[in-house]
Amino acid sequence: MILNNTSHATSITGVNIVTSTIEERKLSTVSMMPDGLLNTIKREEILSLLAFLQSGEKESK
């Protein structure tokens, strides 16, 4: 999970990665979401999740 991403560095669960040291980046062909996850939550929760993701809002702390 990416916690903070800027043009200079990315912080992933407390590990800082300096962007200039990345040699290669590529898109994954596999979703990070576990298979079958949507089968375990209610329709209303799925719609709420989709609305949140589309809004671009950051989670409040």
C-alpha atoms as a PDB file:
ATOM      1  CA  MET A   1       0.000   0.000   0.000  1.00  0.00           C
ATOM      2  CA  ILE A   2       1.394   3.405  -0.954  1.00  0.00           C
ATOM      3  CA  LEU A   3       1.026   5.863   1.909  1.00  0.00           C
ATOM      4  CA  ASN A   4       2.641   8.920   0.334  1.00  0.00           C
ATOM      5  CA  ASN A   5       3.702   9.535  -3.239  1.00  0.00           C
ATOM      6  CA  THR A   6       5.477  12.649  -4.505  1.00  0.00           C
ATOM      7  CA  SER A   7       7.577  13.352  -7.571  1.00  0.00           C
ATOM      8  CA  HIS A   8      10.724  12.786  -5.466  1.00  0.00           C
ATOM      9  CA  ALA A   9       9.925   9.898  -3.130  1.00  0.00           C
ATOM     10  CA  THR A  10       7.376   7.223  -2.304  1.00  0.00           C
ATOM     11  CA  SER A  11       6.662   5.951   1.195  1.00  0.00           C
ATOM     12  CA  ILE A  12       5.300   2.422   1.443  1.00  0.00           C
ATOM     13  CA  THR A  13       4.414   1.319   4.976  1.00  0.00           C
ATOM     14  CA  GLY A  14       7.261   3.319   6.464  1.00  0.00           C
ATOM     15  CA  VAL A  15       9.894   2.503   3.818  1.00  0.00           C
ATOM     16  CA  ASN A  16      11.065   5.493   1.767  1.00  0.00           C
ATOM     17  CA  ILE A  17      12.016   4.931  -1.864  1.00  0.00           C
ATOM     18  CA  VAL A  18      13.821   7.762  -3.634  1.00  0.00           C
ATOM     19  CA  THR A  19      12.169   8.057  -7.041  1.00  0.00           C
ATOM     20  CA  SER A  20      15.437   8.783  -8.861  1.00  0.00           C
ATOM     21  CA  THR A  21      16.778   5.348  -7.823  1.00  0.00           C
ATOM     22  CA  ILE A  22      13.981   3.441  -9.576  1.00  0.00           C
ATOM     23  CA  GLU A  23      15.393   1.818 -12.694  1.00  0.00           C
ATOM     24  CA  GLU A  24      12.134   0.559 -14.194  1.00  0.00           C
ATOM     25  CA  ARG A  25       8.399   0.867 -13.586  1.00  0.00           C
ATOM     26  CA  LYS A  26       5.637  -1.036 -15.292  1.00  0.00           C
ATOM     27  CA  LEU A  27       1.907  -1.488 -14.868  1.00  0.00           C
ATOM     28  CA  SER A  28       0.761  -4.725 -13.332  1.00  0.00           C
ATOM     29  CA  THR A  29      -1.586  -6.935 -15.296  1.00  0.00           C
ATOM     30  CA  VAL A  30      -3.008  -8.257 -12.003  1.00  0.00           C
ATOM     31  CA  SER A  31      -5.225  -6.366  -9.584  1.00  0.00           C
ATOM     32  CA  MET A  32      -3.958  -5.811  -6.037  1.00  0.00           C
ATOM     33  CA  MET A  33      -7.444  -6.712  -4.797  1.00  0.00           C
ATOM     34  CA  PRO A  34      -7.660 -10.362  -3.687  1.00  0.00           C
ATOM     35  CA  ASP A  35      -9.814 -12.663  -5.825  1.00  0.00           C
ATOM     36  CA  GLY A  36     -13.355 -12.992  -4.521  1.00  0.00           C
ATOM     37  CA  LEU A  37     -13.188  -9.953  -2.221  1.00  0.00           C
ATOM     38  CA  LEU A  38     -16.285  -8.361  -3.765  1.00  0.00           C
ATOM     39  CA  ASN A  39     -18.198 -11.559  -3.005  1.00  0.00           C
ATOM     40  CA  THR A  40     -17.692 -10.982   0.725  1.00  0.00           C
ATOM     41  CA  ILE A  41     -19.099  -7.464   1.052  1.00  0.00           C
ATOM     42  CA  LYS A  42     -22.574  -6.021   0.622  1.00  0.00           C
ATOM     43  CA  ARG A  43     -23.707  -4.209  -2.535  1.00  0.00           C
ATOM     44  CA  GLU A  44     -24.033  -0.918  -0.622  1.00  0.00           C
ATOM     45  CA  GLU A  45     -20.435  -1.245   0.610  1.00  0.00           C
ATOM     46  CA  ILE A  46     -19.189  -1.849  -2.932  1.00  0.00           C
ATOM     47  CA  LEU A  47     -21.044   1.224  -4.204  1.00  0.00           C
ATOM     48  CA  SER A  48     -19.674   3.289  -1.325  1.00  0.00           C
ATOM     49  CA  LEU A  49     -16.131   2.115  -2.094  1.00  0.00           C
ATOM     50  CA  LEU A  50     -16.507   2.941  -5.781  1.00  0.00           C
ATOM     51  CA  ALA A  51     -17.878   6.405  -4.974  1.00  0.00           C
ATOM     52  CA  PHE A  52     -14.932   7.043  -2.644  1.00  0.00           C
ATOM     53  CA  LEU A  53     -12.374   5.904  -5.227  1.00  0.00           C
ATOM     54  CA  GLN A  54     -13.958   8.016  -7.968  1.00  0.00           C
ATOM     55  CA  SER A  55     -14.063  11.096  -5.731  1.00  0.00           C
ATOM     56  CA  GLY A  56     -10.286  11.235  -5.375  1.00  0.00           C
ATOM     57  CA  GLU A  57     -10.673  12.143  -1.694  1.00  0.00           C
ATOM     58  CA  LYS A  58      -8.064  11.138   0.827  1.00  0.00           C
ATOM     59  CA  GLU A  59      -9.124   9.173   3.894  1.00  0.00           C
ATOM     60  CA  SER A  60      -9.441  11.344   6.994  1.00  0.00           C
ATOM     61  CA  LYS A  61      -7.238  10.411   9.948  1.00  0.00           C
END
